[in-house]
PDB file of N, CA and C in Angstrom:
ATOM      1  N   MET A   1      80.360 -21.018   8.608  1.00  0.00           N
ATOM      2  CA  MET A   1      79.786 -19.961   9.423  1.00  0.00           C
ATOM      3  C   MET A   1      78.608 -20.538  10.195  1.00  0.00           C
ATOM      4  N   THR A   2      78.559 -20.225  11.465  1.00  0.00           N
ATOM      5  CA  THR A   2      77.471 -20.717  12.299  1.00  0.00           C
ATOM      6  C   THR A   2      76.342 -19.710  12.331  1.00  0.00           C
ATOM      7  N   ASP A   3      75.169 -20.179  12.697  1.00  0.00           N
ATOM      8  CA  ASP A   3      74.018 -19.299  12.802  1.00  0.00           C
ATOM      9  C   ASP A   3      74.205 -18.287  13.914  1.00  0.00           C
ATOM     10  N   LYS A   4      74.684 -18.767  15.081  1.00  0.00           N
ATOM     11  CA  LYS A   4      74.926 -17.891  16.219  1.00  0.00           C
ATOM     12  C   LYS A   4      76.168 -18.376  16.930  1.00  0.00           C
ATOM     13  N   VAL A   5      76.975 -17.471  17.364  1.00  0.00           N
ATOM     14  CA  VAL A   5      78.143 -17.818  18.158  1.00  0.00           C
ATOM     15  C   VAL A   5      77.794 -17.472  19.594  1.00  0.00           C
ATOM     16  N   MET A   6      77.831 -18.485  20.453  1.00  0.00           N
ATOM     17  CA  MET A   6      77.436 -18.291  21.844  1.00  0.00           C
ATOM     18  C   MET A   6      78.659 -18.191  22.733  1.00  0.00           C
ATOM     19  N   THR A   7      78.507 -17.484  23.818  1.00  0.00           N
ATOM     20  CA  THR A   7      79.552 -17.395  24.832  1.00  0.00           C
ATOM     21  C   THR A   7      78.888 -17.212  26.186  1.00  0.00           C
ATOM     22  N   ILE A   8      79.627 -17.487  27.230  1.00  0.00           N
ATOM     23  CA  ILE A   8      79.145 -17.250  28.586  1.00  0.00           C
ATOM     24  C   ILE A   8      79.806 -15.973  29.090  1.00  0.00           C
ATOM     25  N   PHE A   9      79.008 -15.026  29.546  1.00  0.00           N
ATOM     26  CA  PHE A   9      79.518 -13.768  30.076  1.00  0.00           C
ATOM     27  C   PHE A   9      78.781 -13.474  31.360  1.00  0.00           C
ATOM     28  N   GLU A  10      79.546 -13.274  32.419  1.00  0.00           N
ATOM     29  CA  GLU A  10      78.980 -12.998  33.743  1.00  0.00           C
ATOM     30  C   GLU A  10      77.914 -14.033  34.111  1.00  0.00           C
ATOM     31  N   GLY A  11      78.215 -15.314  33.814  1.00  0.00           N
ATOM     32  CA  GLY A  11      77.317 -16.394  34.163  1.00  0.00           C
ATOM     33  C   GLY A  11      76.078 -16.517  33.303  1.00  0.00           C
ATOM     34  N   ARG A  12      76.008 -15.755  32.202  1.00  0.00           N
ATOM     35  CA  ARG A  12      74.834 -15.791  31.336  1.00  0.00           C
ATOM     36  C   ARG A  12      75.246 -16.183  29.923  1.00  0.00           C
ATOM     37  N   LEU A  13      74.412 -16.998  29.280  1.00  0.00           N
ATOM     38  CA  LEU A  13      74.625 -17.363  27.888  1.00  0.00           C
ATOM     39  C   LEU A  13      74.203 -16.193  27.018  1.00  0.00           C
ATOM     40  N   MET A  14      75.069 -15.800  26.093  1.00  0.00           N
ATOM     41  CA  MET A  14      74.719 -14.689  25.217  1.00  0.00           C
ATOM     42  C   MET A  14      75.309 -14.901  23.834  1.00  0.00           C
ATOM     43  N   ILE A  15      74.773 -14.203  22.862  1.00  0.00           N
ATOM     44  CA  ILE A  15      75.294 -14.249  21.507  1.00  0.00           C
ATOM     45  C   ILE A  15      76.535 -13.365  21.460  1.00  0.00           C
ATOM     46  N   ASP A  16      77.603 -13.887  20.896  1.00  0.00           N
ATOM     47  CA  ASP A  16      78.877 -13.169  20.811  1.00  0.00           C
ATOM     48  C   ASP A  16      78.879 -12.243  19.602  1.00  0.00           C
ATOM     49  N   TYR A  17      79.065 -10.955  19.802  1.00  0.00           N
ATOM     50  CA  TYR A  17      79.132 -10.009  18.698  1.00  0.00           C
ATOM     51  C   TYR A  17      80.547  -9.880  18.155  1.00  0.00           C
ATOM     52  N   ALA A  18      81.558 -10.143  18.981  1.00  0.00           N
ATOM     53  CA  ALA A  18      82.942  -9.866  18.596  1.00  0.00           C
ATOM     54  C   ALA A  18      83.426 -10.772  17.467  1.00  0.00           C
ATOM     55  N   TYR A  19      83.114 -12.057  17.529  1.00  0.00           N
ATOM     56  CA  TYR A  19      83.590 -12.974  16.496  1.00  0.00           C
ATOM     57  C   TYR A  19      83.058 -12.604  15.111  1.00  0.00           C
ATOM     58  N   PRO A  20      81.739 -12.406  14.942  1.00  0.00           N
ATOM     59  CA  PRO A  20      81.275 -12.008  13.611  1.00  0.00           C
ATOM     60  C   PRO A  20      81.837 -10.657  13.176  1.00  0.00           C
ATOM     61  N   CYS A  21      82.092  -9.774  14.133  1.00  0.00           N
ATOM     62  CA  CYS A  21      82.707  -8.483  13.801  1.00  0.00           C
ATOM     63  C   CYS A  21      84.093  -8.699  13.194  1.00  0.00           C
ATOM     64  N   MET A  22      84.888  -9.540  13.838  1.00  0.00           N
ATOM     65  CA  MET A  22      86.234  -9.813  13.322  1.00  0.00           C
ATOM     66  C   MET A  22      86.182 -10.532  11.977  1.00  0.00           C
ATOM     67  N   MET A  23      85.220 -11.427  11.817  1.00  0.00           N
ATOM     68  CA  MET A  23      85.089 -12.142  10.544  1.00  0.00           C
ATOM     69  C   MET A  23      84.644 -11.194   9.426  1.00  0.00           C
ATOM     70  N   ALA A  24      83.780 -10.233   9.748  1.00  0.00           N
ATOM     71  CA  ALA A  24      83.370  -9.241   8.754  1.00  0.00           C
ATOM     72  C   ALA A  24      84.562  -8.375   8.346  1.00  0.00           C
ATOM     73  N   GLU A  25      85.353  -7.972   9.314  1.00  0.00           N
ATOM     74  CA  GLU A  25      86.559  -7.187   9.009  1.00  0.00           C
ATOM     75  C   GLU A  25      87.507  -7.972   8.110  1.00  0.00           C
ATOM     76  N   LYS A  26      87.686  -9.240   8.419  1.00  0.00           N
ATOM     77  CA  LYS A  26      88.565 -10.098   7.622  1.00  0.00           C
ATOM     78  C   LYS A  26      88.041 -10.224   6.192  1.00  0.00           C
ATOM     79  N   ALA A  27      86.731 -10.392   6.059  1.00  0.00           N
ATOM     80  CA  ALA A  27      86.129 -10.527   4.733  1.00  0.00           C
ATOM     81  C   ALA A  27      86.253  -9.241   3.925  1.00  0.00           C
ATOM     82  N   ILE A  28      86.081  -8.098   4.575  1.00  0.00           N
ATOM     83  CA  ILE A  28      86.243  -6.814   3.882  1.00  0.00           C
ATOM     84  C   ILE A  28      87.683  -6.652   3.397  1.00  0.00           C
ATOM     85  N   LYS A  29      88.635  -7.017   4.244  1.00  0.00           N
ATOM     86  CA  LYS A  29      90.046  -6.953   3.856  1.00  0.00           C
ATOM     87  C   LYS A  29      90.308  -7.860   2.655  1.00  0.00           C
ATOM     88  N   GLN A  30      89.735  -9.063   2.705  1.00  0.00           N
ATOM     89  CA  GLN A  30      89.910  -9.999   1.592  1.00  0.00           C
ATOM     90  C   GLN A  30      89.299  -9.439   0.314  1.00  0.00           C
ATOM     91  N   ALA A  31      88.121  -8.847   0.421  1.00  0.00           N
ATOM     92  CA  ALA A  31      87.481  -8.232  -0.751  1.00  0.00           C
ATOM     93  C   ALA A  31      88.371  -7.144  -1.337  1.00  0.00           C
ATOM     94  N   HIS A  32      88.966  -6.337  -0.487  1.00  0.00           N
ATOM     95  CA  HIS A  32      89.861  -5.272  -0.941  1.00  0.00           C
ATOM     96  C   HIS A  32      91.069  -5.864  -1.668  1.00  0.00           C
ATOM     97  N   GLU A  33      91.661  -6.893  -1.073  1.00  0.00           N
ATOM     98  CA  GLU A  33      92.812  -7.536  -1.716  1.00  0.00           C
ATOM     99  C   GLU A  33      92.417  -8.161  -3.048  1.00  0.00           C
ATOM    100  N   ASN A  34      91.243  -8.775  -3.106  1.00  0.00           N
ATOM    101  CA  ASN A  34      90.759  -9.338  -4.362  1.00  0.00           C
ATOM    102  C   ASN A  34      90.576  -8.253  -5.425  1.00  0.00           C
ATOM    103  N   MET A  35      90.070  -7.113  -5.017  1.00  0.00           N
ATOM    104  CA  MET A  35      89.888  -6.015  -5.969  1.00  0.00           C
ATOM    105  C   MET A  35      91.222  -5.520  -6.511  1.00  0.00           C
ATOM    106  N   LEU A  36      92.216  -5.414  -5.628  1.00  0.00           N
ATOM    107  CA  LEU A  36      93.538  -4.972  -6.081  1.00  0.00           C
ATOM    108  C   LEU A  36      94.127  -5.935  -7.102  1.00  0.00           C
ATOM    109  N   GLU A  37      93.769  -7.215  -6.973  1.00  0.00           N
ATOM    110  CA  GLU A  37      94.256  -8.236  -7.906  1.00  0.00           C
ATOM    111  C   GLU A  37      93.288  -8.470  -9.065  1.00  0.00           C
ATOM    112  N   ARG A  38      92.250  -7.652  -9.129  1.00  0.00           N
ATOM    113  CA  ARG A  38      91.218  -7.733 -10.171  1.00  0.00           C
ATOM    114  C   ARG A  38      90.544  -9.100 -10.212  1.00  0.00           C
ATOM    115  N   GLN A  39      90.375  -9.673  -9.045  1.00  0.00           N
ATOM    116  CA  GLN A  39      89.646 -10.940  -8.896  1.00  0.00           C
ATOM    117  C   GLN A  39      88.226 -10.592  -8.446  1.00  0.00           C
ATOM    118  N   TYR A  40      87.428 -10.180  -9.405  1.00  0.00           N
ATOM    119  CA  TYR A  40      86.131  -9.592  -9.102  1.00  0.00           C
ATOM    120  C   TYR A  40      85.136 -10.587  -8.500  1.00  0.00           C
ATOM    121  N   ASP A  41      85.096 -11.809  -9.023  1.00  0.00           N
ATOM    122  CA  ASP A  41      84.168 -12.798  -8.466  1.00  0.00           C
ATOM    123  C   ASP A  41      84.510 -13.112  -7.010  1.00  0.00           C
ATOM    124  N   GLU A  42      85.804 -13.242  -6.736  1.00  0.00           N
ATOM    125  CA  GLU A  42      86.238 -13.508  -5.366  1.00  0.00           C
ATOM    126  C   GLU A  42      85.925 -12.323  -4.452  1.00  0.00           C
ATOM    127  N   ALA A  43      86.050 -11.104  -4.980  1.00  0.00           N
ATOM    128  CA  ALA A  43      85.724  -9.904  -4.203  1.00  0.00           C
ATOM    129  C   ALA A  43      84.247  -9.878  -3.848  1.00  0.00           C
ATOM    130  N   ILE A  44      83.417 -10.263  -4.805  1.00  0.00           N
ATOM    131  CA  ILE A  44      81.975 -10.311  -4.546  1.00  0.00           C
ATOM    132  C   ILE A  44      81.668 -11.333  -3.449  1.00  0.00           C
ATOM    133  N   GLU A  45      82.274 -12.515  -3.546  1.00  0.00           N
ATOM    134  CA  GLU A  45      82.051 -13.552  -2.533  1.00  0.00           C
ATOM    135  C   GLU A  45      82.493 -13.083  -1.144  1.00  0.00           C
ATOM    136  N   ALA A  46      83.639 -12.438  -1.079  1.00  0.00           N
ATOM    137  CA  ALA A  46      84.127 -11.935   0.209  1.00  0.00           C
ATOM    138  C   ALA A  46      83.194 -10.855   0.757  1.00  0.00           C
ATOM    139  N   ALA A  47      82.716  -9.983  -0.114  1.00  0.00           N
ATOM    140  CA  ALA A  47      81.799  -8.922   0.324  1.00  0.00           C
ATOM    141  C   ALA A  47      80.490  -9.513   0.832  1.00  0.00           C
ATOM    142  N   LEU A  48      79.989 -10.541   0.157  1.00  0.00           N
ATOM    143  CA  LEU A  48      78.772 -11.212   0.628  1.00  0.00           C
ATOM    144  C   LEU A  48      78.998 -11.871   1.986  1.00  0.00           C
ATOM    145  N   GLY A  49      80.182 -12.428   2.184  1.00  0.00           N
ATOM    146  CA  GLY A  49      80.521 -12.996   3.485  1.00  0.00           C
ATOM    147  C   GLY A  49      80.530 -11.931   4.567  1.00  0.00           C
ATOM    148  N   ALA A  50      81.038 -10.750   4.224  1.00  0.00           N
ATOM    149  CA  ALA A  50      81.054  -9.641   5.181  1.00  0.00           C
ATOM    150  C   ALA A  50      79.635  -9.225   5.561  1.00  0.00           C
ATOM    151  N   ILE A  51      78.753  -9.234   4.585  1.00  0.00           N
ATOM    152  CA  ILE A  51      77.357  -8.888   4.855  1.00  0.00           C
ATOM    153  C   ILE A  51      76.732  -9.905   5.811  1.00  0.00           C
ATOM    154  N   ALA A  52      76.975 -11.186   5.558  1.00  0.00           N
ATOM    155  CA  ALA A  52      76.413 -12.231   6.408  1.00  0.00           C
ATOM    156  C   ALA A  52      76.932 -12.111   7.841  1.00  0.00           C
ATOM    157  N   GLU A  53      78.217 -11.883   7.993  1.00  0.00           N
ATOM    158  CA  GLU A  53      78.796 -11.741   9.330  1.00  0.00           C
ATOM    159  C   GLU A  53      78.277 -10.482  10.013  1.00  0.00           C
ATOM    160  N   THR A  54      78.085  -9.423   9.250  1.00  0.00           N
ATOM    161  CA  THR A  54      77.551  -8.181   9.817  1.00  0.00           C
ATOM    162  C   THR A  54      76.130  -8.403  10.320  1.00  0.00           C
ATOM    163  N   LYS A  55      75.342  -9.203   9.589  1.00  0.00           N
ATOM    164  CA  LYS A  55      73.987  -9.511  10.047  1.00  0.00           C
ATOM    165  C   LYS A  55      74.022 -10.265  11.374  1.00  0.00           C
ATOM    166  N   LEU A  56      74.943 -11.212  11.511  1.00  0.00           N
ATOM    167  CA  LEU A  56      75.084 -11.928  12.783  1.00  0.00           C
ATOM    168  C   LEU A  56      75.463 -10.960  13.900  1.00  0.00           C
ATOM    169  N   MET A  57      76.346 -10.028  13.582  1.00  0.00           N
ATOM    170  CA  MET A  57      76.764  -9.039  14.585  1.00  0.00           C
ATOM    171  C   MET A  57      75.586  -8.162  15.007  1.00  0.00           C
ATOM    172  N   ILE A  58      74.781  -7.729  14.047  1.00  0.00           N
ATOM    173  CA  ILE A  58      73.612  -6.902  14.356  1.00  0.00           C
ATOM    174  C   ILE A  58      72.647  -7.662  15.262  1.00  0.00           C
ATOM    175  N   ASN A  59      72.428  -8.940  14.964  1.00  0.00           N
ATOM    176  CA  ASN A  59      71.540  -9.744  15.815  1.00  0.00           C
ATOM    177  C   ASN A  59      72.083  -9.853  17.235  1.00  0.00           C
ATOM    178  N   ALA A  60      73.386 -10.018  17.354  1.00  0.00           N
ATOM    179  CA  ALA A  60      73.989 -10.089  18.685  1.00  0.00           C
ATOM    180  C   ALA A  60      73.829  -8.769  19.432  1.00  0.00           C
ATOM    181  N   ILE A  61      74.024  -7.675  18.741  1.00  0.00           N
ATOM    182  CA  ILE A  61      73.875  -6.356  19.363  1.00  0.00           C
ATOM    183  C   ILE A  61      72.431  -6.144  19.823  1.00  0.00           C
ATOM    184  N   LYS A  62      71.471  -6.535  18.981  1.00  0.00           N
ATOM    185  CA  LYS A  62      70.061  -6.412  19.362  1.00  0.00           C
ATOM    186  C   LYS A  62      69.764  -7.247  20.604  1.00  0.00           C
ATOM    187  N   ASP A  63      70.322  -8.464  20.647  1.00  0.00           N
ATOM    188  CA  ASP A  63      70.123  -9.321  21.813  1.00  0.00           C
ATOM    189  C   ASP A  63      70.702  -8.662  23.061  1.00  0.00           C
ATOM    190  N   MET A  64      71.897  -8.109  22.953  1.00  0.00           N
ATOM    191  CA  MET A  64      72.526  -7.445  24.099  1.00  0.00           C
ATOM    192  C   MET A  64      71.699  -6.239  24.544  1.00  0.00           C
ATOM    193  N   LYS A  65      71.165  -5.498  23.590  1.00  0.00           N
ATOM    194  CA  LYS A  65      70.339  -4.329  23.917  1.00  0.00           C
ATOM    195  C   LYS A  65      69.078  -4.763  24.657  1.00  0.00           C
ATOM    196  N   GLU A  66      68.422  -5.808  24.160  1.00  0.00           N
ATOM    197  CA  GLU A  66      67.216  -6.309  24.817  1.00  0.00           C
ATOM    198  C   GLU A  66      67.519  -6.785  26.231  1.00  0.00           C
ATOM    199  N   ARG A  67      68.646  -7.487  26.386  1.00  0.00           N
ATOM    200  CA  ARG A  67      69.026  -7.963  27.717  1.00  0.00           C
ATOM    201  C   ARG A  67      69.286  -6.793  28.664  1.00  0.00           C
ATOM    202  N   SER A  68      69.916  -5.757  28.158  1.00  0.00           N
ATOM    203  CA  SER A  68      70.212  -4.611  29.024  1.00  0.00           C
ATOM    204  C   SER A  68      68.937  -3.862  29.402  1.00  0.00           C
ATOM    205  N   ASN A  69      67.906  -4.000  28.574  1.00  0.00           N
ATOM    206  CA  ASN A  69      66.617  -3.379  28.885  1.00  0.00           C
ATOM    207  C   ASN A  69      65.725  -4.295  29.715  1.00  0.00           C
ATOM    208  N   GLY A  70      66.219  -5.494  30.073  1.00  0.00           N
ATOM    209  CA  GLY A  70      65.483  -6.413  30.923  1.00  0.00           C
ATOM    210  C   GLY A  70      64.438  -7.240  30.214  1.00  0.00           C
ATOM    211  N   ILE A  71      64.459  -7.275  28.886  1.00  0.00           N
ATOM    212  CA  ILE A  71      63.468  -8.041  28.158  1.00  0.00           C
ATOM    213  C   ILE A  71      63.733  -9.538  28.282  1.00  0.00           C
ATOM    214  N   HIS A  72      65.010  -9.926  28.262  1.00  0.00           N
ATOM    215  CA  HIS A  72      65.376 -11.334  28.417  1.00  0.00           C
ATOM    216  C   HIS A  72      65.692 -11.618  29.887  1.00  0.00           C
ATOM    217  N   ASP A  73      65.432 -12.824  30.315  1.00  0.00           N
ATOM    218  CA  ASP A  73      65.882 -13.224  31.627  1.00  0.00           C
ATOM    219  C   ASP A  73      66.940 -14.310  31.462  1.00  0.00           C
ATOM    220  N   LYS A  74      67.570 -14.712  32.527  1.00  0.00           N
ATOM    221  CA  LYS A  74      68.659 -15.693  32.469  1.00  0.00           C
ATOM    222  C   LYS A  74      68.208 -17.018  31.884  1.00  0.00           C
ATOM    223  N   ALA A  75      66.960 -17.373  32.047  1.00  0.00           N
ATOM    224  CA  ALA A  75      66.471 -18.675  31.603  1.00  0.00           C
ATOM    225  C   ALA A  75      65.983 -18.656  30.167  1.00  0.00           C
ATOM    226  N   SER A  76      66.030 -17.529  29.484  1.00  0.00           N
ATOM    227  CA  SER A  76      65.493 -17.477  28.131  1.00  0.00           C
ATOM    228  C   SER A  76      66.329 -18.298  27.179  1.00  0.00           C
ATOM    229  N   ALA A  77      65.670 -18.945  26.259  1.00  0.00           N
ATOM    230  CA  ALA A  77      66.378 -19.756  25.262  1.00  0.00           C
ATOM    231  C   ALA A  77      66.726 -18.871  24.083  1.00  0.00           C
ATOM    232  N   LEU A  78      67.945 -19.040  23.600  1.00  0.00           N
ATOM    233  CA  LEU A  78      68.364 -18.288  22.407  1.00  0.00           C
ATOM    234  C   LEU A  78      68.077 -19.138  21.242  1.00  0.00           C
TER     235      LEU A  78
END
């Protein structure tokens, strides 16, 4: 897992929210499957992974919100 997933959108570098969102969904699904198989330790690990990916997604959303409010400019370093 990377700290930030970057992408170029409309000529601007931005943090990608979609990838961590999909990874969180995948981890939640894995946790559910682990629970059905009574693999509790694996379910915990998958759930923790979902939390980490969700945090990355939240950071990306905050960045997008700040950019839409004009707080960031094109030259800002992420």
